[in-house]
C-alpha atoms as a PDB file:
ATOM      1  CA  MET A   1       0.000   0.000   0.000  1.00  0.00           C
ATOM      2  CA  THR A   2       1.430   3.364  -1.056  1.00  0.00           C
ATOM      3  CA  ALA A   3       1.377   6.048   1.620  1.00  0.00           C
ATOM      4  CA  GLN A   4      -1.257   8.719   1.042  1.00  0.00           C
ATOM      5  CA  TYR A   5       0.067  11.781  -0.734  1.00  0.00           C
ATOM      6  CA  ILE A   6      -0.444  15.029   1.157  1.00  0.00           C
ATOM      7  CA  PRO A   7       0.026  18.067  -1.135  1.00  0.00           C
ATOM      8  CA  PRO A   8       2.346  20.761   0.181  1.00  0.00           C
ATOM      9  CA  LYS A   9       1.075  24.297   0.695  1.00  0.00           C
ATOM     10  CA  VAL A  10       3.075  25.447  -2.343  1.00  0.00           C
ATOM     11  CA  TRP A  11       3.860  23.038  -5.176  1.00  0.00           C
ATOM     12  CA  GLU A  12       7.452  22.871  -6.411  1.00  0.00           C
ATOM     13  CA  TRP A  13       8.650  21.252  -9.608  1.00  0.00           C
ATOM     14  CA  VAL A  14      10.937  18.229  -9.299  1.00  0.00           C
ATOM     15  CA  PRO A  15      12.644  17.598 -12.672  1.00  0.00           C
ATOM     16  CA  GLY A  16      12.458  14.054 -14.008  1.00  0.00           C
ATOM     17  CA  ASN A  17       9.553  12.971 -11.822  1.00  0.00           C
ATOM     18  CA  GLY A  18       8.915   9.792 -13.795  1.00  0.00           C
ATOM     19  CA  GLY A  19       6.961   8.739 -16.846  1.00  0.00           C
ATOM     20  CA  LYS A  20       7.799   8.456 -20.514  1.00  0.00           C
ATOM     21  CA  PHE A  21       8.046  12.203 -21.145  1.00  0.00           C
ATOM     22  CA  ALA A  22       9.544  13.259 -17.811  1.00  0.00           C
ATOM     23  CA  ASN A  23      12.761  14.442 -19.473  1.00  0.00           C
ATOM     24  CA  ILE A  24      10.969  17.177 -21.441  1.00  0.00           C
ATOM     25  CA  ASN A  25       8.192  18.211 -19.074  1.00  0.00           C
ATOM     26  CA  ARG A  26       8.592  21.552 -17.337  1.00  0.00           C
ATOM     27  CA  PRO A  27       6.292  24.156 -15.781  1.00  0.00           C
ATOM     28  CA  THR A  28       7.294  27.117 -17.964  1.00  0.00           C
ATOM     29  CA  ALA A  29       6.673  28.110 -21.575  1.00  0.00           C
ATOM     30  CA  GLY A  30       8.923  29.642 -24.215  1.00  0.00           C
ATOM     31  CA  ALA A  31      11.969  28.723 -26.282  1.00  0.00           C
ATOM     32  CA  THR A  32      14.971  27.131 -24.613  1.00  0.00           C
ATOM     33  CA  PHE A  33      17.432  27.164 -27.520  1.00  0.00           C
ATOM     34  CA  GLU A  34      18.068  28.760 -30.906  1.00  0.00           C
ATOM     35  CA  GLN A  35      16.728  26.765 -33.821  1.00  0.00           C
ATOM     36  CA  HIS A  36      16.531  26.954 -37.614  1.00  0.00           C
ATOM     37  CA  LEU A  37      13.686  24.823 -38.948  1.00  0.00           C
ATOM     38  CA  PRO A  38      14.025  23.302 -42.428  1.00  0.00           C
ATOM     39  CA  ARG A  39      11.868  24.650 -45.247  1.00  0.00           C
ATOM     40  CA  GLY A  40      10.812  22.917 -48.441  1.00  0.00           C
ATOM     41  CA  ASP A  41       9.515  24.265 -51.741  1.00  0.00           C
ATOM     42  CA  ALA A  42       5.765  24.106 -51.054  1.00  0.00           C
ATOM     43  CA  ASP A  43       3.747  27.013 -49.698  1.00  0.00           C
ATOM     44  CA  LEU A  44       2.510  24.889 -46.811  1.00  0.00           C
ATOM     45  CA  GLN A  45       5.161  23.840 -44.324  1.00  0.00           C
ATOM     46  CA  LEU A  46       4.013  21.366 -41.687  1.00  0.00           C
ATOM     47  CA  TYR A  47       6.033  20.574 -38.567  1.00  0.00           C
ATOM     48  CA  SER A  48       4.638  17.481 -36.942  1.00  0.00           C
ATOM     49  CA  LEU A  49       5.004  13.973 -35.560  1.00  0.00           C
ATOM     50  CA  GLY A  50       3.014  10.774 -36.021  1.00  0.00           C
ATOM     51  CA  THR A  51       0.733  11.291 -33.024  1.00  0.00           C
ATOM     52  CA  PRO A  52      -3.072  11.446 -33.255  1.00  0.00           C
ATOM     53  CA  ASN A  53      -2.974  15.238 -33.383  1.00  0.00           C
ATOM     54  CA  GLY A  54      -0.291  15.165 -36.069  1.00  0.00           C
ATOM     55  CA  ILE A  55      -2.185  12.607 -38.141  1.00  0.00           C
ATOM     56  CA  LYS A  56      -5.271  14.846 -38.297  1.00  0.00           C
ATOM     57  CA  VAL A  57      -3.559  17.533 -40.363  1.00  0.00           C
ATOM     58  CA  THR A  58      -1.704  15.163 -42.671  1.00  0.00           C
ATOM     59  CA  VAL A  59      -4.993  13.390 -43.409  1.00  0.00           C
ATOM     60  CA  MET A  60      -6.601  16.727 -44.284  1.00  0.00           C
ATOM     61  CA  LEU A  61      -3.786  17.705 -46.627  1.00  0.00           C
ATOM     62  CA  GLU A  62      -3.781  14.317 -48.349  1.00  0.00           C
ATOM     63  CA  GLU A  63      -7.563  14.463 -48.760  1.00  0.00           C
ATOM     64  CA  LEU A  64      -7.220  17.889 -50.396  1.00  0.00           C
ATOM     65  CA  LEU A  65      -4.548  16.560 -52.745  1.00  0.00           C
ATOM     66  CA  ALA A  66      -6.773  13.578 -53.565  1.00  0.00           C
ATOM     67  CA  LYS A  67      -9.367  16.103 -54.761  1.00  0.00           C
ATOM     68  CA  GLY A  68      -6.788  17.512 -57.170  1.00  0.00           C
ATOM     69  CA  ILE A  69      -6.113  20.705 -55.206  1.00  0.00           C
ATOM     70  CA  GLN A  70      -2.462  21.279 -56.055  1.00  0.00           C
ATOM     71  CA  ALA A  71      -2.250  24.367 -53.854  1.00  0.00           C
ATOM     72  CA  ALA A  72      -2.484  21.950 -50.921  1.00  0.00           C
ATOM     73  CA  ASN A  73       0.984  20.564 -51.682  1.00  0.00           C
ATOM     74  CA  TYR A  74       3.012  20.573 -48.517  1.00  0.00           C
ATOM     75  CA  ASP A  75       6.316  19.634 -46.972  1.00  0.00           C
ATOM     76  CA  VAL A  76       6.302  17.914 -43.614  1.00  0.00           C
ATOM     77  CA  PHE A  77       9.200  17.862 -41.192  1.00  0.00           C
ATOM     78  CA  LYS A  78       9.618  15.887 -37.998  1.00  0.00           C
ATOM     79  CA  ILE A  79       9.594  17.620 -34.647  1.00  0.00           C
ATOM     80  CA  ASP A  80      10.993  15.091 -32.188  1.00  0.00           C
ATOM     81  CA  ILE A  81       9.136  15.908 -28.989  1.00  0.00           C
ATOM     82  CA  GLY A  82      11.129  13.254 -27.144  1.00  0.00           C
ATOM     83  CA  LYS A  83      14.227  15.367 -27.730  1.00  0.00           C
ATOM     84  CA  GLY A  84      12.478  18.626 -26.903  1.00  0.00           C
ATOM     85  CA  GLU A  85      12.647  20.069 -30.433  1.00  0.00           C
ATOM     86  CA  GLN A  86       9.281  21.743 -29.844  1.00  0.00           C
ATOM     87  CA  PHE A  87      11.056  24.183 -27.518  1.00  0.00           C
ATOM     88  CA  GLY A  88      13.321  25.562 -30.266  1.00  0.00           C
ATOM     89  CA  SER A  89      13.032  29.242 -31.171  1.00  0.00           C
ATOM     90  CA  ASP A  90      11.731  28.747 -34.732  1.00  0.00           C
ATOM     91  CA  PHE A  91       9.047  26.291 -33.663  1.00  0.00           C
ATOM     92  CA  VAL A  92       7.967  28.458 -30.735  1.00  0.00           C
ATOM     93  CA  SER A  93       7.602  31.381 -33.150  1.00  0.00           C
ATOM     94  CA  ILE A  94       4.930  29.322 -34.966  1.00  0.00           C
ATOM     95  CA  ASN A  95       3.386  27.765 -31.882  1.00  0.00           C
ATOM     96  CA  PRO A  96       4.128  29.523 -28.591  1.00  0.00           C
ATOM     97  CA  ASN A  97       2.455  26.580 -26.837  1.00  0.00           C
ATOM     98  CA  SER A  98       5.231  24.205 -28.035  1.00  0.00           C
ATOM     99  CA  LYS A  99       2.926  21.415 -29.219  1.00  0.00           C
ATOM    100  CA  ILE A 100       2.772  19.633 -32.568  1.00  0.00           C
ATOM    101  CA  PRO A 101       1.472  20.043 -35.203  1.00  0.00           C
ATOM    102  CA  ALA A 102       2.212  23.560 -36.406  1.00  0.00           C
ATOM    103  CA  LEU A 103       1.695  24.968 -39.891  1.00  0.00           C
ATOM    104  CA  LEU A 104       3.310  27.890 -41.705  1.00  0.00           C
ATOM    105  CA  ASP A 105       1.528  29.109 -44.849  1.00  0.00           C
ATOM    106  CA  TYR A 106       3.848  30.996 -47.220  1.00  0.00           C
ATOM    107  CA  SER A 107       1.118  31.625 -49.798  1.00  0.00           C
ATOM    108  CA  VAL A 108       0.238  34.811 -47.920  1.00  0.00           C
ATOM    109  CA  THR A 109       2.359  37.773 -46.863  1.00  0.00           C
ATOM    110  CA  PRO A 110       3.514  37.742 -44.166  1.00  0.00           C
ATOM    111  CA  PRO A 111       3.506  33.951 -43.799  1.00  0.00           C
ATOM    112  CA  GLN A 112       0.607  32.782 -41.648  1.00  0.00           C
ATOM    113  CA  PRO A 113       1.402  30.573 -38.639  1.00  0.00           C
ATOM    114  CA  VAL A 114      -1.359  28.256 -37.440  1.00  0.00           C
ATOM    115  CA  PHE A 115      -1.238  26.096 -34.339  1.00  0.00           C
ATOM    116  CA  GLU A 116      -3.628  23.711 -32.575  1.00  0.00           C
ATOM    117  CA  SER A 117      -4.679  20.814 -34.783  1.00  0.00           C
ATOM    118  CA  GLY A 118      -8.352  21.766 -34.802  1.00  0.00           C
ATOM    119  CA  ALA A 119      -7.519  25.332 -35.810  1.00  0.00           C
ATOM    120  CA  ILE A 120      -5.313  24.027 -38.634  1.00  0.00           C
ATOM    121  CA  LEU A 121      -8.135  21.810 -39.929  1.00  0.00           C
ATOM    122  CA  LEU A 122     -10.537  24.745 -39.869  1.00  0.00           C
ATOM    123  CA  TYR A 123      -7.984  27.057 -41.518  1.00  0.00           C
ATOM    124  CA  LEU A 124      -7.392  24.623 -44.377  1.00  0.00           C
ATOM    125  CA  ALA A 125     -11.111  23.880 -44.776  1.00  0.00           C
ATOM    126  CA  GLU A 126     -11.890  27.583 -45.129  1.00  0.00           C
ATOM    127  CA  LYS A 127      -8.840  28.298 -47.294  1.00  0.00           C
ATOM    128  CA  PHE A 128      -9.729  25.611 -49.849  1.00  0.00           C
ATOM    129  CA  GLY A 129     -13.506  25.424 -49.381  1.00  0.00           C
ATOM    130  CA  GLU A 130     -13.572  21.708 -48.654  1.00  0.00           C
ATOM    131  CA  PHE A 131     -14.715  19.307 -45.912  1.00  0.00           C
ATOM    132  CA  LEU A 132     -16.712  21.950 -44.044  1.00  0.00           C
ATOM    133  CA  PRO A 133     -20.471  22.085 -44.692  1.00  0.00           C
ATOM    134  CA  GLU A 134     -21.809  25.333 -46.128  1.00  0.00           C
ATOM    135  CA  THR A 135     -25.287  25.371 -44.614  1.00  0.00           C
ATOM    136  CA  LEU A 136     -25.508  26.786 -41.097  1.00  0.00           C
ATOM    137  CA  PRO A 137     -27.023  23.753 -39.312  1.00  0.00           C
ATOM    138  CA  GLU A 138     -24.520  21.256 -40.754  1.00  0.00           C
ATOM    139  CA  ARG A 139     -21.573  23.660 -40.355  1.00  0.00           C
ATOM    140  CA  THR A 140     -22.531  24.268 -36.744  1.00  0.00           C
ATOM    141  CA  ALA A 141     -22.792  20.537 -36.066  1.00  0.00           C
ATOM    142  CA  CYS A 142     -19.413  19.954 -37.687  1.00  0.00           C
ATOM    143  CA  LEU A 143     -17.722  22.629 -35.595  1.00  0.00           C
ATOM    144  CA  SER A 144     -19.462  21.412 -32.444  1.00  0.00           C
ATOM    145  CA  TRP A 145     -17.987  17.944 -32.931  1.00  0.00           C
ATOM    146  CA  LEU A 146     -14.597  19.384 -33.882  1.00  0.00           C
ATOM    147  CA  PHE A 147     -14.463  21.343 -30.632  1.00  0.00           C
ATOM    148  CA  TRP A 148     -15.850  18.349 -28.731  1.00  0.00           C
ATOM    149  CA  GLN A 149     -12.856  16.355 -29.884  1.00  0.00           C
ATOM    150  CA  MET A 150     -10.411  19.074 -28.910  1.00  0.00           C
ATOM    151  CA  GLY A 151     -11.902  19.267 -25.425  1.00  0.00           C
ATOM    152  CA  SER A 152     -12.477  15.547 -24.884  1.00  0.00           C
ATOM    153  CA  ALA A 153      -9.357  13.845 -26.265  1.00  0.00           C
ATOM    154  CA  PRO A 154      -7.092  15.057 -23.411  1.00  0.00           C
ATOM    155  CA  TYR A 155      -9.029  12.681 -21.157  1.00  0.00           C
ATOM    156  CA  VAL A 156      -8.096   9.867 -23.541  1.00  0.00           C
ATOM    157  CA  GLY A 157      -4.469  10.928 -24.096  1.00  0.00           C
ATOM    158  CA  GLY A 158      -3.227  12.772 -21.056  1.00  0.00           C
ATOM    159  CA  GLY A 159      -5.651  10.913 -18.805  1.00  0.00           C
ATOM    160  CA  PHE A 160      -6.276   7.308 -19.791  1.00  0.00           C
ATOM    161  CA  GLY A 161      -3.282   6.915 -22.091  1.00  0.00           C
ATOM    162  CA  HIS A 162      -0.879   8.408 -19.587  1.00  0.00           C
ATOM    163  CA  PHE A 163      -1.906   6.361 -16.564  1.00  0.00           C
ATOM    164  CA  TYR A 164      -2.587   3.142 -18.502  1.00  0.00           C
ATOM    165  CA  ALA A 165       0.458   3.151 -20.790  1.00  0.00           C
ATOM    166  CA  TYR A 166       3.059   5.750 -19.796  1.00  0.00           C
ATOM    167  CA  ALA A 167       3.047   6.357 -16.049  1.00  0.00           C
ATOM    168  CA  PRO A 168       5.999   4.780 -14.211  1.00  0.00           C
ATOM    169  CA  GLU A 169       3.589   2.893 -11.920  1.00  0.00           C
ATOM    170  CA  LYS A 170       0.057   1.553 -12.350  1.00  0.00           C
ATOM    171  CA  PHE A 171      -2.524   3.035  -9.994  1.00  0.00           C
ATOM    172  CA  GLU A 172      -6.086   1.743  -9.895  1.00  0.00           C
ATOM    173  CA  TYR A 173      -7.885   5.001  -9.156  1.00  0.00           C
ATOM    174  CA  PRO A 174      -6.686   7.128 -12.142  1.00  0.00           C
ATOM    175  CA  ILE A 175      -6.902   4.190 -14.554  1.00  0.00           C
ATOM    176  CA  ASN A 176     -10.480   3.472 -13.474  1.00  0.00           C
ATOM    177  CA  ARG A 177     -11.405   7.149 -13.559  1.00  0.00           C
ATOM    178  CA  PHE A 178     -10.112   7.778 -17.075  1.00  0.00           C
ATOM    179  CA  ALA A 179     -11.180   4.387 -18.452  1.00  0.00           C
ATOM    180  CA  MET A 180     -14.725   5.222 -17.366  1.00  0.00           C
ATOM    181  CA  GLU A 181     -14.606   8.601 -19.113  1.00  0.00           C
ATOM    182  CA  THR A 182     -13.039   7.120 -22.255  1.00  0.00           C
ATOM    183  CA  LYS A 183     -15.791   4.513 -22.460  1.00  0.00           C
ATOM    184  CA  ARG A 184     -18.434   7.190 -21.919  1.00  0.00           C
ATOM    185  CA  GLN A 185     -17.007   9.111 -24.872  1.00  0.00           C
ATOM    186  CA  LEU A 186     -16.907   5.950 -26.994  1.00  0.00           C
ATOM    187  CA  SER A 187     -20.534   5.279 -26.088  1.00  0.00           C
ATOM    188  CA  LEU A 188     -21.453   8.806 -27.167  1.00  0.00           C
ATOM    189  CA  LEU A 189     -19.730   8.389 -30.527  1.00  0.00           C
ATOM    190  CA  ASP A 190     -21.268   4.960 -31.040  1.00  0.00           C
ATOM    191  CA  GLN A 191     -24.744   6.418 -30.552  1.00  0.00           C
ATOM    192  CA  GLN A 192     -23.951   9.296 -32.922  1.00  0.00           C
ATOM    193  CA  LEU A 193     -22.737   6.919 -35.621  1.00  0.00           C
ATOM    194  CA  ALA A 194     -25.624   4.477 -35.205  1.00  0.00           C
ATOM    195  CA  VAL A 195     -27.795   6.631 -37.458  1.00  0.00           C
ATOM    196  CA  ARG A 196     -25.140   8.422 -39.538  1.00  0.00           C
ATOM    197  CA  GLN A 197     -22.497   7.322 -42.000  1.00  0.00           C
ATOM    198  CA  PHE A 198     -20.089   9.951 -40.718  1.00  0.00           C
ATOM    199  CA  ILE A 199     -19.991  12.103 -37.601  1.00  0.00           C
ATOM    200  CA  VAL A 200     -22.414  14.768 -38.823  1.00  0.00           C
ATOM    201  CA  GLY A 201     -24.319  12.872 -41.499  1.00  0.00           C
ATOM    202  CA  ASP A 202     -23.558  11.522 -44.960  1.00  0.00           C
ATOM    203  CA  GLU A 203     -20.745  14.024 -45.578  1.00  0.00           C
ATOM    204  CA  TYR A 204     -17.122  13.331 -44.626  1.00  0.00           C
ATOM    205  CA  THR A 205     -15.828  16.428 -42.830  1.00  0.00           C
ATOM    206  CA  ILE A 206     -13.034  17.809 -40.695  1.00  0.00           C
ATOM    207  CA  ALA A 207     -14.960  16.471 -37.691  1.00  0.00           C
ATOM    208  CA  ASP A 208     -14.227  12.917 -38.886  1.00  0.00           C
ATOM    209  CA  MET A 209     -10.598  13.836 -39.576  1.00  0.00           C
ATOM    210  CA  ALA A 210     -10.219  15.188 -36.044  1.00  0.00           C
ATOM    211  CA  ILE A 211     -11.970  12.345 -34.240  1.00  0.00           C
ATOM    212  CA  TRP A 212     -10.689   9.335 -36.193  1.00  0.00           C
ATOM    213  CA  PRO A 213      -6.957   9.509 -35.252  1.00  0.00           C
ATOM    214  CA  TRP A 214      -7.950   9.322 -31.585  1.00  0.00           C
ATOM    215  CA  TYR A 215     -11.111   7.270 -31.261  1.00  0.00           C
ATOM    216  CA  GLY A 216     -11.016   5.398 -34.550  1.00  0.00           C
ATOM    217  CA  ARG A 217      -7.469   4.210 -34.022  1.00  0.00           C
ATOM    218  CA  LEU A 218      -8.251   3.434 -30.379  1.00  0.00           C
ATOM    219  CA  VAL A 219     -10.989   0.948 -31.325  1.00  0.00           C
ATOM    220  CA  LEU A 220      -8.793  -0.446 -34.112  1.00  0.00           C
ATOM    221  CA  GLY A 221      -6.172  -1.349 -31.487  1.00  0.00           C
ATOM    222  CA  GLU A 222      -3.608   1.229 -32.608  1.00  0.00           C
ATOM    223  CA  LEU A 223      -3.475   3.333 -29.429  1.00  0.00           C
ATOM    224  CA  TYR A 224      -2.073   2.242 -26.052  1.00  0.00           C
ATOM    225  CA  ASN A 225      -2.667  -1.471 -26.786  1.00  0.00           C
ATOM    226  CA  ALA A 226      -5.919  -0.977 -24.891  1.00  0.00           C
ATOM    227  CA  ALA A 227      -8.613  -2.322 -27.224  1.00  0.00           C
ATOM    228  CA  GLU A 228      -9.219  -5.475 -25.186  1.00  0.00           C
ATOM    229  CA  PHE A 229      -9.070  -3.623 -21.871  1.00  0.00           C
ATOM    230  CA  LEU A 230     -11.735  -1.169 -23.077  1.00  0.00           C
ATOM    231  CA  ASN A 231     -13.798  -3.947 -24.721  1.00  0.00           C
ATOM    232  CA  VAL A 232     -14.068  -1.917 -27.908  1.00  0.00           C
ATOM    233  CA  GLN A 233     -15.911  -4.698 -29.741  1.00  0.00           C
ATOM    234  CA  GLU A 234     -19.129  -3.463 -28.151  1.00  0.00           C
ATOM    235  CA  TYR A 235     -18.880  -0.225 -30.155  1.00  0.00           C
ATOM    236  CA  THR A 236     -19.981  -1.712 -33.457  1.00  0.00           C
ATOM    237  CA  HIS A 237     -20.881   1.576 -35.120  1.00  0.00           C
ATOM    238  CA  ILE A 238     -17.540   3.178 -34.302  1.00  0.00           C
ATOM    239  CA  LEU A 239     -15.760   0.100 -35.609  1.00  0.00           C
ATOM    240  CA  ARG A 240     -17.667   0.310 -38.893  1.00  0.00           C
ATOM    241  CA  TRP A 241     -16.821   4.000 -39.256  1.00  0.00           C
ATOM    242  CA  ALA A 242     -13.191   3.538 -38.159  1.00  0.00           C
ATOM    243  CA  LYS A 243     -12.562   0.810 -40.734  1.00  0.00           C
ATOM    244  CA  GLN A 244     -14.289   2.818 -43.467  1.00  0.00           C
ATOM    245  CA  ILE A 245     -12.006   5.813 -42.897  1.00  0.00           C
ATOM    246  CA  ALA A 246      -8.899   3.673 -42.467  1.00  0.00           C
ATOM    247  CA  ASN A 247      -9.494   2.285 -45.972  1.00  0.00           C
ATOM    248  CA  ARG A 248      -9.511   5.713 -47.626  1.00  0.00           C
ATOM    249  CA  THR A 249      -6.554   6.155 -49.983  1.00  0.00           C
ATOM    250  CA  ALA A 250      -5.722   9.602 -48.623  1.00  0.00           C
ATOM    251  CA  VAL A 251      -5.756   8.344 -45.036  1.00  0.00           C
ATOM    252  CA  GLN A 252      -3.384   5.531 -45.927  1.00  0.00           C
ATOM    253  CA  ALA A 253      -1.066   8.007 -47.667  1.00  0.00           C
ATOM    254  CA  ALA A 254      -1.155  10.265 -44.618  1.00  0.00           C
ATOM    255  CA  LEU A 255      -0.356   7.412 -42.250  1.00  0.00           C
ATOM    256  CA  ALA A 256       2.577   6.336 -44.419  1.00  0.00           C
ATOM    257  CA  LYS A 257       4.057   9.827 -44.118  1.00  0.00           C
ATOM    258  CA  GLU A 258       3.336  10.123 -40.411  1.00  0.00           C
ATOM    259  CA  TYR A 259       4.826   6.722 -39.625  1.00  0.00           C
ATOM    260  CA  ARG A 260       8.051   7.831 -41.290  1.00  0.00           C
ATOM    261  CA  LEU A 261       8.103  10.756 -38.890  1.00  0.00           C
ATOM    262  CA  ILE A 262       7.993   8.397 -35.926  1.00  0.00           C
ATOM    263  CA  ALA A 263      11.044   6.418 -37.075  1.00  0.00           C
END
C-alpha cells in the first residue's frame, strides 16, 4: 500500500519525476534554444510527428490533394518531442504553446502561422472550401464535434493513455477514472454513428478527420494497446466507421508519411 500523498502548501517542480516524457516536461513556456527549422519548396510547411494530433492535419492535406487541389501541396518535417525540439526558437515562433502540429503558410504575406490541430483543420477547410459544410445547421454541427474532440481527447491521451500506458507505476484510481470517461465518450460516438455514416451525417468532414486519429485508431487497437481492456468490440458503429475511414486512400497516404516521422 502506497502512503497517502499530502500536497504541500506550495507546489514545487521536481525535474524528471517519472513517466515516458519526464525528461521534457517543465512548468514554464517559451523557447529554450536557438533553432533553424528546415523549409521545403511548397507554400505549406508542416512541422509534426506521427501522433493522433499530427495525423489529423496530414490526413486533411492528403484528402485535399486527392481532390486535385495542387495548392495543398506541402512539406512535412519531424519535430521530435522526445528530444524537446518543440522548444526551439523557430518552432515556438509558430506555436508559442510548443505542441505539434504547427503549420506555416507561405502563400500569404507575411507567412501565416497556425497552431492547434483543430484550428489548422478549420484554416485549411476555409482556405480551400472543402470538408466543411456550407449550410448553417450542418456547419454548426461539424464545428461542435470538432471542438468536442479538442476538449475531450485530453481525457483519452493525457488521462487514460498516460496512466494506462506511460506512467511509471500503475494506480487503480486514475486508470479506473479515465477508463470510465473514455468509455463514456466511446458510447457517445457509437450512438452518434448508429444513425449516420459519418460524424455529422452523410458528408465526410473535418470532424471525422479530427476524431478518427484518436477514437477510430483506439478501437482499431492502434493506441495504447488498450482495445481489449476497453472492450471496444461493443462499439460496433464506431468500428464500422473507423474501418471505413482507415481504408480511404488519402488516409493511408497520410499514415505512411506520419509513420516515417515516428522512425
